């Protein structure tokens, strides 16, 4: 089964915050788990794809780049987006289909926006998804804490399906490259 790791908006300014936004919840754990899974992907010969949001740091400079504590593999594919949805206008869907990917492991920022839309769009487009429950993050909203938002999405997206394709939520230390989606079919 062909797989890919999709890391969304793991950008310096988004993770660390700026004058307007605070840093994401549990940013040290987020970075540690992303690096752990990049290493596991490399060991399992699973390609890593990064998506960057052009709204972060106005699409330029250090703030726009992938966080400097994240170990980006040299052969990484990058897509830059202008919308919340990583698949909209980026070529990501075409790239995954050309690679004959069937299973995507998703992590990054922000939970209730770009992570949620990527998980749902991926299942609609014929992929099984594993959302890494302890490798996505966000900031507090006006109503909920970041921790509540993350817990809500982990619960909501675990077992989410679109006909034949499912999203499940597993933690970074689990064997994510041996998906268990068939147990839901």
Protein backbone atom coordinates (compact mmCIF):
# COMPACT_ATOMS: atom_id res chain seq x y z
CA UNK A 1 0.00 0.00 0.00
CA UNK A 2 1.38 3.38 -1.00
CA UNK A 3 1.34 5.94 1.78
CA UNK A 4 2.35 9.54 2.40
CA UNK A 5 2.87 11.80 5.39
CA UNK A 6 1.15 15.16 5.01
CA UNK A 7 2.38 17.92 7.33
CA UNK A 8 0.19 21.01 7.13
CA UNK A 9 1.17 24.56 8.09
CA UNK A 10 4.02 23.58 10.42
CA UNK A 11 5.45 27.04 9.83
CA UNK A 12 7.69 29.08 12.12
CA UNK A 13 5.35 32.01 12.76
CA UNK A 14 2.25 29.88 13.06
CA UNK A 15 3.78 27.52 15.62
CA UNK A 16 5.70 30.16 17.62
CA UNK A 17 3.08 32.89 17.29
CA UNK A 18 3.61 36.56 16.53
CA UNK A 19 2.45 39.98 17.77
CA UNK A 20 -1.20 39.07 17.08
CA UNK A 21 -1.43 35.30 17.76
CA UNK A 22 0.00 33.23 20.58
CA UNK A 23 2.04 30.08 20.05
CA UNK A 24 0.07 26.90 19.41
CA UNK A 25 -0.87 24.63 22.31
CA UNK A 26 1.87 22.17 23.34
CA UNK A 27 4.21 23.36 20.60
CA UNK A 28 7.19 21.40 21.98
CA UNK A 29 5.22 18.14 21.85
CA UNK A 30 3.96 19.01 18.36
CA UNK A 31 7.48 19.54 17.03
CA UNK A 32 8.83 16.45 18.82
CA UNK A 33 6.06 14.23 17.42
CA UNK A 34 6.38 15.62 13.89
CA UNK A 35 10.14 14.92 13.97
CA UNK A 36 9.55 11.45 15.38
CA UNK A 37 7.12 10.62 12.56
CA UNK A 38 9.37 12.08 9.88
CA UNK A 39 12.07 9.69 11.10
CA UNK A 40 9.60 6.77 11.14
CA UNK A 41 8.46 7.69 7.62
CA UNK A 42 12.05 7.71 6.41
CA UNK A 43 12.66 4.28 8.00
CA UNK A 44 9.47 2.98 6.33
CA UNK A 45 10.25 4.57 2.94
CA UNK A 46 7.11 6.72 3.15
CA UNK A 47 7.40 10.12 1.41
CA UNK A 48 6.80 13.34 3.34
CA UNK A 49 4.81 16.23 1.88
CA UNK A 50 4.60 19.69 3.44
CA UNK A 51 1.85 22.20 2.78
CA UNK A 52 2.53 25.84 3.65
CA UNK A 53 -0.04 28.61 3.99
CA UNK A 54 0.82 31.74 2.00
CA UNK A 55 -1.04 33.86 4.59
CA UNK A 56 1.51 33.00 7.26
CA UNK A 57 4.13 35.77 7.49
CA UNK A 58 2.72 37.16 4.23
CA UNK A 59 4.24 34.19 2.41
CA UNK A 60 7.88 35.21 2.89
CA UNK A 61 10.87 35.10 5.16
CA UNK A 62 11.71 32.85 8.08
CA UNK A 63 8.19 33.06 9.54
CA UNK A 64 6.74 31.48 6.38
CA UNK A 65 9.18 28.56 6.32
CA UNK A 66 8.72 25.21 8.03
CA UNK A 67 9.64 25.60 11.71
CA UNK A 68 13.42 25.53 12.09
CA UNK A 69 13.26 22.77 14.73
CA UNK A 70 11.51 20.41 12.30
CA UNK A 71 13.86 18.06 10.44
CA UNK A 72 12.73 18.45 6.84
CA UNK A 73 13.95 15.58 4.62
CA UNK A 74 15.95 16.67 1.58
CA UNK A 75 13.58 14.99 -0.88
CA UNK A 76 10.44 16.60 0.56
CA UNK A 77 7.72 17.85 -1.77
CA UNK A 78 6.21 21.27 -0.90
CA UNK A 79 2.85 22.76 -1.84
CA UNK A 80 1.85 26.33 -1.03
CA UNK A 81 -1.82 27.13 -0.53
CA UNK A 82 -4.01 30.21 -0.46
CA UNK A 83 -7.06 28.57 1.13
CA UNK A 84 -7.85 26.64 4.31
CA UNK A 85 -8.09 23.43 2.30
CA UNK A 86 -4.70 21.94 1.39
CA UNK A 87 -6.17 20.35 -1.72
CA UNK A 88 -7.65 23.55 -3.18
CA UNK A 89 -5.57 24.91 -6.06
CA UNK A 90 -2.31 23.27 -4.96
CA UNK A 91 -1.72 20.20 -7.08
CA UNK A 92 -1.61 18.08 -3.92
CA UNK A 93 -4.44 15.78 -5.03
CA UNK A 94 -2.83 15.18 -8.42
CA UNK A 95 0.54 14.50 -6.79
CA UNK A 96 -0.94 11.92 -4.38
CA UNK A 97 -2.84 10.21 -7.17
CA UNK A 98 0.25 10.06 -9.39
CA UNK A 99 2.09 8.39 -6.51
CA UNK A 100 -0.87 5.99 -6.16
CA UNK A 101 -1.19 6.88 -2.48
CA UNK A 102 -4.02 5.11 -0.65
CA UNK A 103 -3.28 6.09 2.96
CA UNK A 104 -2.30 9.55 4.28
CA UNK A 105 -0.92 10.29 7.76
CA UNK A 106 -1.86 13.89 8.61
CA UNK A 107 -0.43 16.28 11.21
CA UNK A 108 0.25 20.01 11.65
CA UNK A 109 -1.77 23.17 12.31
CA UNK A 110 -4.45 24.47 12.90
CA UNK A 111 -6.77 21.74 14.10
CA UNK A 112 -10.20 23.25 13.49
CA UNK A 113 -9.30 24.79 10.14
CA UNK A 114 -6.67 23.27 7.87
CA UNK A 115 -6.36 19.90 9.60
CA UNK A 116 -10.11 19.30 9.70
CA UNK A 117 -10.61 20.28 6.05
CA UNK A 118 -7.67 18.12 4.88
CA UNK A 119 -8.93 15.02 6.69
CA UNK A 120 -12.45 15.39 5.31
CA UNK A 121 -11.32 16.27 1.78
CA UNK A 122 -8.92 13.33 1.68
CA UNK A 123 -11.65 10.82 2.54
CA UNK A 124 -13.96 12.36 -0.06
CA UNK A 125 -11.22 11.93 -2.65
CA UNK A 126 -10.64 8.25 -1.98
CA UNK A 127 -7.91 8.14 0.67
CA UNK A 128 -7.87 6.49 4.05
CA UNK A 129 -6.50 8.92 6.63
CA UNK A 130 -4.74 8.56 9.93
CA UNK A 131 -4.87 11.80 11.89
CA UNK A 132 -2.07 11.86 14.44
CA UNK A 133 -3.98 12.83 17.56
CA UNK A 134 -0.95 14.18 19.40
CA UNK A 135 0.69 15.86 16.39
CA UNK A 136 -1.80 18.57 15.46
CA UNK A 137 -2.42 21.78 17.33
CA UNK A 138 -4.10 25.16 17.44
CA UNK A 139 -4.66 28.21 19.64
CA UNK A 140 -7.58 29.07 21.88
CA UNK A 141 -10.73 30.37 20.20
CA UNK A 142 -13.18 32.83 21.70
CA UNK A 143 -15.20 29.92 23.07
CA UNK A 144 -12.92 26.91 23.53
CA UNK A 145 -9.40 26.27 24.71
CA UNK A 146 -6.95 24.80 22.22
CA UNK A 147 -6.95 21.60 24.26
CA UNK A 148 -10.76 21.34 23.99
CA UNK A 149 -10.63 21.97 20.22
CA UNK A 150 -8.03 19.23 19.76
CA UNK A 151 -9.94 16.72 21.90
CA UNK A 152 -13.18 17.51 20.06
CA UNK A 153 -11.61 16.98 16.64
CA UNK A 154 -9.85 13.79 17.70
CA UNK A 155 -13.21 12.40 18.80
CA UNK A 156 -15.17 13.73 15.81
CA UNK A 157 -12.69 12.61 13.14
CA UNK A 158 -12.06 9.14 14.58
CA UNK A 159 -14.20 6.84 12.47
CA UNK A 160 -15.33 9.64 10.13
CA UNK A 161 -16.10 8.19 6.73
CA UNK A 162 -17.13 9.01 3.20
CA UNK A 163 -18.53 5.83 1.67
CA UNK A 164 -15.47 3.53 1.53
CA UNK A 165 -12.77 5.73 3.06
CA UNK A 166 -12.20 6.41 6.73
CA UNK A 167 -10.24 8.64 9.03
CA UNK A 168 -9.00 7.25 12.27
CA UNK A 169 -7.07 8.95 15.05
CA UNK A 170 -3.95 7.34 16.48
CA UNK A 171 -1.04 8.71 18.48
CA UNK A 172 2.51 9.23 17.24
CA UNK A 173 4.00 6.27 19.12
CA UNK A 174 1.60 3.80 17.45
CA UNK A 175 2.54 1.90 14.29
CA UNK A 176 0.91 4.39 11.93
CA UNK A 177 2.34 2.91 8.76
CA UNK A 178 0.36 -0.28 9.32
CA UNK A 179 -3.13 1.22 9.01
CA UNK A 180 -6.13 -0.43 10.63
CA UNK A 181 -8.85 1.12 8.48
CA UNK A 182 -10.12 -2.24 7.23
CA UNK A 183 -11.52 -2.96 10.69
CA UNK A 184 -14.06 -0.16 10.01
CA UNK A 185 -15.28 -1.52 6.67
